[in-house]
Amino acid sequence: MMWRLLMRRNPTKSFTVVGDVAQTSSPAGTTSWTA
């Protein structure tokens, strides 16, 4: 749902996304960038 919000902030989809799926602690977070 937070990604839906962010995509509305940039309809052209120009993003730099940084992170590490091994460090995900939020239960709503991701373990796959593709997903």
PDB file of all heavy atoms in Angstrom:
ATOM      1  N   MET A   1       0.829  -1.209   0.000  1.00  0.00           N
ATOM      2  CA  MET A   1       0.000   0.000   0.000  1.00  0.00           C
ATOM      3  C   MET A   1       0.863   1.259   0.000  1.00  0.00           C
ATOM      4  O   MET A   1       0.524   2.260  -0.633  1.00  0.00           O
ATOM      5  CB  MET A   1      -0.946   0.000   1.195  1.00  0.00           C
ATOM      6  CG  MET A   1      -2.064  -1.032   1.099  1.00  0.00           C
ATOM      7  SD  MET A   1      -3.110  -0.814  -0.360  1.00  0.00           S
ATOM      8  CE  MET A   1      -3.892   0.766   0.003  1.00  0.00           C
ATOM      9  N   MET A   2       2.008   1.224   0.698  1.00  0.00           N
ATOM     10  CA  MET A   2       2.898   2.387   0.683  1.00  0.00           C
ATOM     11  C   MET A   2       3.493   2.574  -0.705  1.00  0.00           C
ATOM     12  O   MET A   2       3.702   3.710  -1.150  1.00  0.00           O
ATOM     13  CB  MET A   2       4.006   2.213   1.723  1.00  0.00           C
ATOM     14  CG  MET A   2       4.855   3.465   1.935  1.00  0.00           C
ATOM     15  SD  MET A   2       3.922   4.885   2.585  1.00  0.00           S
ATOM     16  CE  MET A   2       3.842   4.451   4.340  1.00  0.00           C
ATOM     17  N   TRP A   3       3.759   1.478  -1.415  1.00  0.00           N
ATOM     18  CA  TRP A   3       4.263   1.596  -2.782  1.00  0.00           C
ATOM     19  C   TRP A   3       3.212   2.224  -3.694  1.00  0.00           C
ATOM     20  O   TRP A   3       3.545   2.983  -4.601  1.00  0.00           O
ATOM     21  CB  TRP A   3       4.695   0.234  -3.318  1.00  0.00           C
ATOM     22  CG  TRP A   3       6.066  -0.161  -2.862  1.00  0.00           C
ATOM     23  CD1 TRP A   3       6.400  -1.138  -1.987  1.00  0.00           C
ATOM     24  CD2 TRP A   3       7.301   0.465  -3.231  1.00  0.00           C
ATOM     25  NE1 TRP A   3       7.754  -1.175  -1.791  1.00  0.00           N
ATOM     26  CE2 TRP A   3       8.335  -0.202  -2.541  1.00  0.00           C
ATOM     27  CE3 TRP A   3       7.628   1.523  -4.075  1.00  0.00           C
ATOM     28  CZ2 TRP A   3       9.678   0.153  -2.682  1.00  0.00           C
ATOM     29  CZ3 TRP A   3       8.969   1.878  -4.224  1.00  0.00           C
ATOM     30  CH2 TRP A   3       9.967   1.199  -3.531  1.00  0.00           C
ATOM     31  N   ARG A   4       1.935   1.931  -3.465  1.00  0.00           N
ATOM     32  CA  ARG A   4       0.879   2.577  -4.254  1.00  0.00           C
ATOM     33  C   ARG A   4       0.928   4.090  -4.057  1.00  0.00           C
ATOM     34  O   ARG A   4       0.806   4.860  -5.008  1.00  0.00           O
ATOM     35  CB  ARG A   4      -0.499   2.035  -3.856  1.00  0.00           C
ATOM     36  CG  ARG A   4      -0.792   0.640  -4.369  1.00  0.00           C
ATOM     37  CD  ARG A   4      -2.136   0.125  -3.874  1.00  0.00           C
ATOM     38  NE  ARG A   4      -3.248   0.927  -4.385  1.00  0.00           N
ATOM     39  CZ  ARG A   4      -3.881   0.712  -5.521  1.00  0.00           C
ATOM     40  NH1 ARG A   4      -3.501  -0.284  -6.310  1.00  0.00           N
ATOM     41  NH2 ARG A   4      -4.899   1.470  -5.889  1.00  0.00           N
ATOM     42  N   LEU A   5       1.113   4.510  -2.809  1.00  0.00           N
ATOM     43  CA  LEU A   5       1.215   5.945  -2.519  1.00  0.00           C
ATOM     44  C   LEU A   5       2.397   6.553  -3.264  1.00  0.00           C
ATOM     45  O   LEU A   5       2.271   7.601  -3.921  1.00  0.00           O
ATOM     46  CB  LEU A   5       1.355   6.155  -1.009  1.00  0.00           C
ATOM     47  CG  LEU A   5       1.513   7.585  -0.475  1.00  0.00           C
ATOM     48  CD1 LEU A   5       1.050   7.647   0.985  1.00  0.00           C
ATOM     49  CD2 LEU A   5       2.939   8.098  -0.551  1.00  0.00           C
ATOM     50  N   LEU A   6       3.569   5.921  -3.160  1.00  0.00           N
ATOM     51  CA  LEU A   6       4.774   6.487  -3.775  1.00  0.00           C
ATOM     52  C   LEU A   6       4.666   6.530  -5.294  1.00  0.00           C
ATOM     53  O   LEU A   6       5.143   7.484  -5.927  1.00  0.00           O
ATOM     54  CB  LEU A   6       6.001   5.683  -3.352  1.00  0.00           C
ATOM     55  CG  LEU A   6       6.428   5.859  -1.896  1.00  0.00           C
ATOM     56  CD1 LEU A   6       7.539   4.896  -1.546  1.00  0.00           C
ATOM     57  CD2 LEU A   6       6.868   7.298  -1.621  1.00  0.00           C
ATOM     58  N   MET A   7       4.062   5.541  -5.898  1.00  0.00           N
ATOM     59  CA  MET A   7       3.917   5.531  -7.350  1.00  0.00           C
ATOM     60  C   MET A   7       3.013   6.678  -7.809  1.00  0.00           C
ATOM     61  O   MET A   7       3.201   7.228  -8.905  1.00  0.00           O
ATOM     62  CB  MET A   7       3.369   4.189  -7.826  1.00  0.00           C
ATOM     63  CG  MET A   7       4.355   3.044  -7.683  1.00  0.00           C
ATOM     64  SD  MET A   7       5.812   3.239  -8.764  1.00  0.00           S
ATOM     65  CE  MET A   7       6.891   1.943  -8.126  1.00  0.00           C
ATOM     66  N   ARG A   8       2.053   7.063  -6.970  1.00  0.00           N
ATOM     67  CA  ARG A   8       1.230   8.233  -7.310  1.00  0.00           C
ATOM     68  C   ARG A   8       2.041   9.517  -7.236  1.00  0.00           C
ATOM     69  O   ARG A   8       1.730  10.490  -7.934  1.00  0.00           O
ATOM     70  CB  ARG A   8       0.023   8.310  -6.375  1.00  0.00           C
ATOM     71  CG  ARG A   8      -1.093   7.353  -6.730  1.00  0.00           C
ATOM     72  CD  ARG A   8      -2.371   7.692  -5.996  1.00  0.00           C
ATOM     73  NE  ARG A   8      -2.340   7.287  -4.619  1.00  0.00           N
ATOM     74  CZ  ARG A   8      -2.756   6.107  -4.163  1.00  0.00           C
ATOM     75  NH1 ARG A   8      -3.228   5.205  -5.016  1.00  0.00           N
ATOM     76  NH2 ARG A   8      -2.712   5.816  -2.880  1.00  0.00           N
ATOM     77  N   ARG A   9       3.063   9.544  -6.386  1.00  0.00           N
ATOM     78  CA  ARG A   9       3.903  10.738  -6.267  1.00  0.00           C
ATOM     79  C   ARG A   9       4.821  10.908  -7.475  1.00  0.00           C
ATOM     80  O   ARG A   9       5.396  11.964  -7.669  1.00  0.00           O
ATOM     81  CB  ARG A   9       4.751  10.672  -5.000  1.00  0.00           C
ATOM     82  CG  ARG A   9       3.977  10.638  -3.691  1.00  0.00           C
ATOM     83  CD  ARG A   9       3.167  11.910  -3.466  1.00  0.00           C
ATOM     84  NE  ARG A   9       2.562  11.919  -2.155  1.00  0.00           N
ATOM     85  CZ  ARG A   9       1.366  11.424  -1.851  1.00  0.00           C
ATOM     86  NH1 ARG A   9       0.635  10.876  -2.829  1.00  0.00           N
ATOM     87  NH2 ARG A   9       0.892  11.464  -0.627  1.00  0.00           N
ATOM     88  N   ASN A  10       4.970   9.850  -8.276  1.00  0.00           N
ATOM     89  CA  ASN A  10       5.842   9.931  -9.444  1.00  0.00           C
ATOM     90  C   ASN A  10       5.281   9.067 -10.563  1.00  0.00           C
ATOM     91  O   ASN A  10       5.724   7.931 -10.770  1.00  0.00           O
ATOM     92  CB  ASN A  10       7.273   9.496  -9.088  1.00  0.00           C
ATOM     93  CG  ASN A  10       8.226   9.639 -10.260  1.00  0.00           C
ATOM     94  OD1 ASN A  10       8.675   8.655 -10.818  1.00  0.00           O
ATOM     95  ND2 ASN A  10       8.532  10.853 -10.630  1.00  0.00           N
ATOM     96  N   PRO A  11       4.296   9.563 -11.305  1.00  0.00           N
ATOM     97  CA  PRO A  11       3.650   8.766 -12.352  1.00  0.00           C
ATOM     98  C   PRO A  11       4.600   8.300 -13.450  1.00  0.00           C
ATOM     99  O   PRO A  11       4.334   7.306 -14.118  1.00  0.00           O
ATOM    100  CB  PRO A  11       2.584   9.715 -12.912  1.00  0.00           C
ATOM    101  CG  PRO A  11       2.340  10.716 -11.826  1.00  0.00           C
ATOM    102  CD  PRO A  11       3.662  10.883 -11.145  1.00  0.00           C
ATOM    103  N   THR A  12       5.726   9.007 -13.648  1.00  0.00           N
ATOM    104  CA  THR A  12       6.674   8.593 -14.682  1.00  0.00           C
ATOM    105  C   THR A  12       7.540   7.421 -14.234  1.00  0.00           C
ATOM    106  O   THR A  12       8.344   6.911 -15.020  1.00  0.00           O
ATOM    107  CB  THR A  12       7.594   9.762 -15.081  1.00  0.00           C
ATOM    108  OG1 THR A  12       8.365  10.168 -13.937  1.00  0.00           O
ATOM    109  CG2 THR A  12       6.774  10.945 -15.597  1.00  0.00           C
ATOM    110  N   LYS A  13       7.396   7.036 -12.972  1.00  0.00           N
ATOM    111  CA  LYS A  13       8.124   5.878 -12.409  1.00  0.00           C
ATOM    112  C   LYS A  13       9.632   6.061 -12.488  1.00  0.00           C
ATOM    113  O   LYS A  13      10.378   5.149 -12.847  1.00  0.00           O
ATOM    114  CB  LYS A  13       7.726   4.576 -13.123  1.00  0.00           C
ATOM    115  CG  LYS A  13       6.222   4.328 -13.200  1.00  0.00           C
ATOM    116  CD  LYS A  13       5.596   4.175 -11.840  1.00  0.00           C
ATOM    117  CE  LYS A  13       4.142   3.713 -11.929  1.00  0.00           C
ATOM    118  NZ  LYS A  13       3.232   4.704 -12.503  1.00  0.00           N
ATOM    119  N   SER A  14      10.108   7.262 -12.131  1.00  0.00           N
ATOM    120  CA  SER A  14      11.544   7.541 -12.061  1.00  0.00           C
ATOM    121  C   SER A  14      11.967   7.418 -10.598  1.00  0.00           C
ATOM    122  O   SER A  14      11.780   8.344  -9.805  1.00  0.00           O
ATOM    123  CB  SER A  14      11.848   8.946 -12.607  1.00  0.00           C
ATOM    124  OG  SER A  14      13.223   9.243 -12.486  1.00  0.00           O
ATOM    125  N   PHE A  15      12.540   6.269 -10.245  1.00  0.00           N
ATOM    126  CA  PHE A  15      12.850   5.956  -8.853  1.00  0.00           C
ATOM    127  C   PHE A  15      14.283   5.457  -8.712  1.00  0.00           C
ATOM    128  O   PHE A  15      14.798   4.757  -9.585  1.00  0.00           O
ATOM    129  CB  PHE A  15      11.935   4.835  -8.342  1.00  0.00           C
ATOM    130  CG  PHE A  15      10.568   5.274  -7.898  1.00  0.00           C
ATOM    131  CD1 PHE A  15       9.585   5.566  -8.827  1.00  0.00           C
ATOM    132  CD2 PHE A  15      10.258   5.372  -6.550  1.00  0.00           C
ATOM    133  CE1 PHE A  15       8.324   5.949  -8.435  1.00  0.00           C
ATOM    134  CE2 PHE A  15       9.000   5.753  -6.140  1.00  0.00           C
ATOM    135  CZ  PHE A  15       8.018   6.045  -7.077  1.00  0.00           C
ATOM    136  N   THR A  16      14.903   5.802  -7.584  1.00  0.00           N
ATOM    137  CA  THR A  16      16.084   5.089  -7.111  1.00  0.00           C
ATOM    138  C   THR A  16      15.679   4.411  -5.815  1.00  0.00           C
ATOM    139  O   THR A  16      15.334   5.077  -4.834  1.00  0.00           O
ATOM    140  CB  THR A  16      17.270   6.033  -6.853  1.00  0.00           C
ATOM    141  OG1 THR A  16      17.610   6.701  -8.071  1.00  0.00           O
ATOM    142  CG2 THR A  16      18.475   5.255  -6.352  1.00  0.00           C
ATOM    143  N   VAL A  17      15.686   3.106  -5.823  1.00  0.00           N
ATOM    144  CA  VAL A  17      15.200   2.301  -4.698  1.00  0.00           C
ATOM    145  C   VAL A  17      16.392   1.568  -4.103  1.00  0.00           C
ATOM    146  O   VAL A  17      17.078   0.826  -4.809  1.00  0.00           O
ATOM    147  CB  VAL A  17      14.135   1.297  -5.179  1.00  0.00           C
ATOM    148  CG1 VAL A  17      13.715   0.372  -4.043  1.00  0.00           C
ATOM    149  CG2 VAL A  17      12.932   2.030  -5.761  1.00  0.00           C
ATOM    150  N   VAL A  18      16.658   1.769  -2.818  1.00  0.00           N
ATOM    151  CA  VAL A  18      17.810   1.112  -2.199  1.00  0.00           C
ATOM    152  C   VAL A  18      17.367   0.346  -0.957  1.00  0.00           C
ATOM    153  O   VAL A  18      16.495   0.781  -0.213  1.00  0.00           O
ATOM    154  CB  VAL A  18      18.923   2.118  -1.829  1.00  0.00           C
ATOM    155  CG1 VAL A  18      19.493   2.755  -3.062  1.00  0.00           C
ATOM    156  CG2 VAL A  18      18.429   3.182  -0.869  1.00  0.00           C
ATOM    157  N   GLY A  19      17.967  -0.805  -0.765  1.00  0.00           N
ATOM    158  CA  GLY A  19      17.646  -1.605   0.397  1.00  0.00           C
ATOM    159  C   GLY A  19      18.312  -2.960   0.346  1.00  0.00           C
ATOM    160  O   GLY A  19      19.114  -3.254  -0.544  1.00  0.00           O
ATOM    161  N   ASP A  20      17.941  -3.785   1.315  1.00  0.00           N
ATOM    162  CA  ASP A  20      18.512  -5.121   1.432  1.00  0.00           C
ATOM    163  C   ASP A  20      17.417  -6.036   1.958  1.00  0.00           C
ATOM    164  O   ASP A  20      16.961  -5.887   3.092  1.00  0.00           O
ATOM    165  CB  ASP A  20      19.701  -5.103   2.392  1.00  0.00           C
ATOM    166  CG  ASP A  20      20.344  -6.471   2.567  1.00  0.00           C
ATOM    167  OD1 ASP A  20      20.039  -7.373   1.768  1.00  0.00           O
ATOM    168  OD2 ASP A  20      21.144  -6.636   3.513  1.00  0.00           O
ATOM    169  N   VAL A  21      16.964  -6.964   1.138  1.00  0.00           N
ATOM    170  CA  VAL A  21      15.854  -7.823   1.533  1.00  0.00           C
ATOM    171  C   VAL A  21      16.215  -8.734   2.706  1.00  0.00           C
ATOM    172  O   VAL A  21      15.323  -9.276   3.371  1.00  0.00           O
ATOM    173  CB  VAL A  21      15.341  -8.654   0.340  1.00  0.00           C
ATOM    174  CG1 VAL A  21      14.691  -7.766  -0.694  1.00  0.00           C
ATOM    175  CG2 VAL A  21      16.477  -9.477  -0.285  1.00  0.00           C
ATOM    176  N   ALA A  22      17.498  -8.893   2.989  1.00  0.00           N
ATOM    177  CA  ALA A  22      17.897  -9.688   4.155  1.00  0.00           C
ATOM    178  C   ALA A  22      17.692  -8.917   5.448  1.00  0.00           C
ATOM    179  O   ALA A  22      17.774  -9.494   6.533  1.00  0.00           O
ATOM    180  CB  ALA A  22      19.361 -10.117   4.030  1.00  0.00           C
ATOM    181  N   GLN A  23      17.449  -7.604   5.355  1.00  0.00           N
ATOM    182  CA  GLN A  23      17.278  -6.787   6.545  1.00  0.00           C
ATOM    183  C   GLN A  23      15.817  -6.390   6.776  1.00  0.00           C
ATOM    184  O   GLN A  23      15.526  -5.555   7.627  1.00  0.00           O
ATOM    185  CB  GLN A  23      18.145  -5.530   6.446  1.00  0.00           C
ATOM    186  CG  GLN A  23      19.634  -5.826   6.352  1.00  0.00           C
ATOM    187  CD  GLN A  23      20.482  -4.569   6.359  1.00  0.00           C
ATOM    188  OE1 GLN A  23      20.376  -3.739   7.243  1.00  0.00           O
ATOM    189  NE2 GLN A  23      21.354  -4.432   5.359  1.00  0.00           N
ATOM    190  N   THR A  24      14.889  -6.994   6.041  1.00  0.00           N
ATOM    191  CA  THR A  24      13.479  -6.663   6.202  1.00  0.00           C
ATOM    192  C   THR A  24      12.981  -7.121   7.566  1.00  0.00           C
ATOM    193  O   THR A  24      13.078  -8.292   7.912  1.00  0.00           O
ATOM    194  CB  THR A  24      12.626  -7.343   5.111  1.00  0.00           C
ATOM    195  OG1 THR A  24      13.131  -6.983   3.832  1.00  0.00           O
ATOM    196  CG2 THR A  24      11.167  -6.927   5.223  1.00  0.00           C
ATOM    197  N   SER A  25      12.437  -6.179   8.341  1.00  0.00           N
ATOM    198  CA  SER A  25      11.872  -6.547   9.636  1.00  0.00           C
ATOM    199  C   SER A  25      10.375  -6.279   9.699  1.00  0.00           C
ATOM    200  O   SER A  25       9.670  -6.892  10.494  1.00  0.00           O
ATOM    201  CB  SER A  25      12.574  -5.790  10.770  1.00  0.00           C
ATOM    202  OG  SER A  25      12.413  -4.395  10.621  1.00  0.00           O
ATOM    203  N   SER A  26       9.871  -5.374   8.875  1.00  0.00           N
ATOM    204  CA  SER A  26       8.440  -5.085   8.893  1.00  0.00           C
ATOM    205  C   SER A  26       7.655  -6.288   8.389  1.00  0.00           C
ATOM    206  O   SER A  26       7.994  -6.872   7.356  1.00  0.00           O
ATOM    207  CB  SER A  26       8.134  -3.872   8.015  1.00  0.00           C
ATOM    208  OG  SER A  26       6.731  -3.739   7.823  1.00  0.00           O
ATOM    209  N   PRO A  27       6.577  -6.660   9.082  1.00  0.00           N
ATOM    210  CA  PRO A  27       5.751  -7.774   8.595  1.00  0.00           C
ATOM    211  C   PRO A  27       5.066  -7.465   7.277  1.00  0.00           C
ATOM    212  O   PRO A  27       4.627  -8.375   6.574  1.00  0.00           O
ATOM    213  CB  PRO A  27       4.724  -7.966   9.720  1.00  0.00           C
ATOM    214  CG  PRO A  27       4.686  -6.653  10.428  1.00  0.00           C
ATOM    215  CD  PRO A  27       6.075  -6.109  10.342  1.00  0.00           C
ATOM    216  N   ALA A  28       4.971  -6.182   6.940  1.00  0.00           N
ATOM    217  CA  ALA A  28       4.364  -5.786   5.666  1.00  0.00           C
ATOM    218  C   ALA A  28       5.415  -5.546   4.591  1.00  0.00           C
ATOM    219  O   ALA A  28       5.077  -5.178   3.462  1.00  0.00           O
ATOM    220  CB  ALA A  28       3.528  -4.521   5.858  1.00  0.00           C
ATOM    221  N   GLY A  29       6.687  -5.733   4.933  1.00  0.00           N
ATOM    222  CA  GLY A  29       7.763  -5.489   3.976  1.00  0.00           C
ATOM    223  C   GLY A  29       7.905  -6.619   2.977  1.00  0.00           C
ATOM    224  O   GLY A  29       7.077  -7.516   2.881  1.00  0.00           O
ATOM    225  N   THR A  30       9.015  -6.568   2.216  1.00  0.00           N
ATOM    226  CA  THR A  30       9.183  -7.524   1.117  1.00  0.00           C
ATOM    227  C   THR A  30      10.478  -8.308   1.240  1.00  0.00           C
ATOM    228  O   THR A  30      11.441  -7.855   1.872  1.00  0.00           O
ATOM    229  CB  THR A  30       9.161  -6.803  -0.244  1.00  0.00           C
ATOM    230  OG1 THR A  30       9.132  -7.769  -1.295  1.00  0.00           O
ATOM    231  CG2 THR A  30      10.401  -5.928  -0.416  1.00  0.00           C
ATOM    232  N   THR A  31      10.496  -9.472   0.637  1.00  0.00           N
ATOM    233  CA  THR A  31      11.735 -10.240   0.471  1.00  0.00           C
ATOM    234  C   THR A  31      12.045 -10.424  -1.008  1.00  0.00           C
ATOM    235  O   THR A  31      12.930 -11.205  -1.359  1.00  0.00           O
ATOM    236  CB  THR A  31      11.617 -11.617   1.151  1.00  0.00           C
ATOM    237  OG1 THR A  31      10.486 -12.311   0.610  1.00  0.00           O
ATOM    238  CG2 THR A  31      11.447 -11.476   2.656  1.00  0.00           C
ATOM    239  N   SER A  32      11.325  -9.694  -1.870  1.00  0.00           N
ATOM    240  CA  SER A  32      11.542  -9.810  -3.318  1.00  0.00           C
ATOM    241  C   SER A  32      11.228  -8.482  -3.985  1.00  0.00           C
ATOM    242  O   SER A  32      10.089  -7.996  -3.914  1.00  0.00           O
ATOM    243  CB  SER A  32      10.642 -10.902  -3.907  1.00  0.00           C
ATOM    244  OG  SER A  32      10.610 -10.820  -5.316  1.00  0.00           O
ATOM    245  N   TRP A  33      12.232  -7.879  -4.621  1.00  0.00           N
ATOM    246  CA  TRP A  33      12.003  -6.625  -5.344  1.00  0.00           C
ATOM    247  C   TRP A  33      11.049  -6.843  -6.509  1.00  0.00           C
ATOM    248  O   TRP A  33      10.203  -5.993  -6.800  1.00  0.00           O
ATOM    249  CB  TRP A  33      13.328  -6.062  -5.853  1.00  0.00           C
ATOM    250  CG  TRP A  33      14.286  -5.689  -4.778  1.00  0.00           C
ATOM    251  CD1 TRP A  33      15.527  -6.204  -4.553  1.00  0.00           C
ATOM    252  CD2 TRP A  33      14.079  -4.714  -3.749  1.00  0.00           C
ATOM    253  NE1 TRP A  33      16.109  -5.618  -3.468  1.00  0.00           N
ATOM    254  CE2 TRP A  33      15.252  -4.695  -2.954  1.00  0.00           C
ATOM    255  CE3 TRP A  33      13.032  -3.862  -3.418  1.00  0.00           C
ATOM    256  CZ2 TRP A  33      15.386  -3.853  -1.855  1.00  0.00           C
ATOM    257  CZ3 TRP A  33      13.162  -3.018  -2.313  1.00  0.00           C
ATOM    258  CH2 TRP A  33      14.324  -3.019  -1.556  1.00  0.00           C
ATOM    259  N   THR A  34      11.177  -7.963  -7.172  1.00  0.00           N
ATOM    260  CA  THR A  34      10.294  -8.250  -8.303  1.00  0.00           C
ATOM    261  C   THR A  34       8.840  -8.297  -7.857  1.00  0.00           C
ATOM    262  O   THR A  34       7.951  -7.708  -8.492  1.00  0.00           O
ATOM    263  CB  THR A  34      10.678  -9.589  -8.956  1.00  0.00           C
ATOM    264  OG1 THR A  34      12.029  -9.511  -9.415  1.00  0.00           O
ATOM    265  CG2 THR A  34       9.760  -9.900 -10.125  1.00  0.00           C
ATOM    266  N   ALA A  35       8.583  -8.970  -6.734  1.00  0.00           N
ATOM    267  CA  ALA A  35       7.205  -9.119  -6.258  1.00  0.00           C
ATOM    268  C   ALA A  35       6.581  -7.780  -5.908  1.00  0.00           C
ATOM    269  O   ALA A  35       5.410  -7.527  -6.209  1.00  0.00           O
ATOM    270  CB  ALA A  35       7.178 -10.052  -5.049  1.00  0.00           C
TER     271      ALA A  35
END
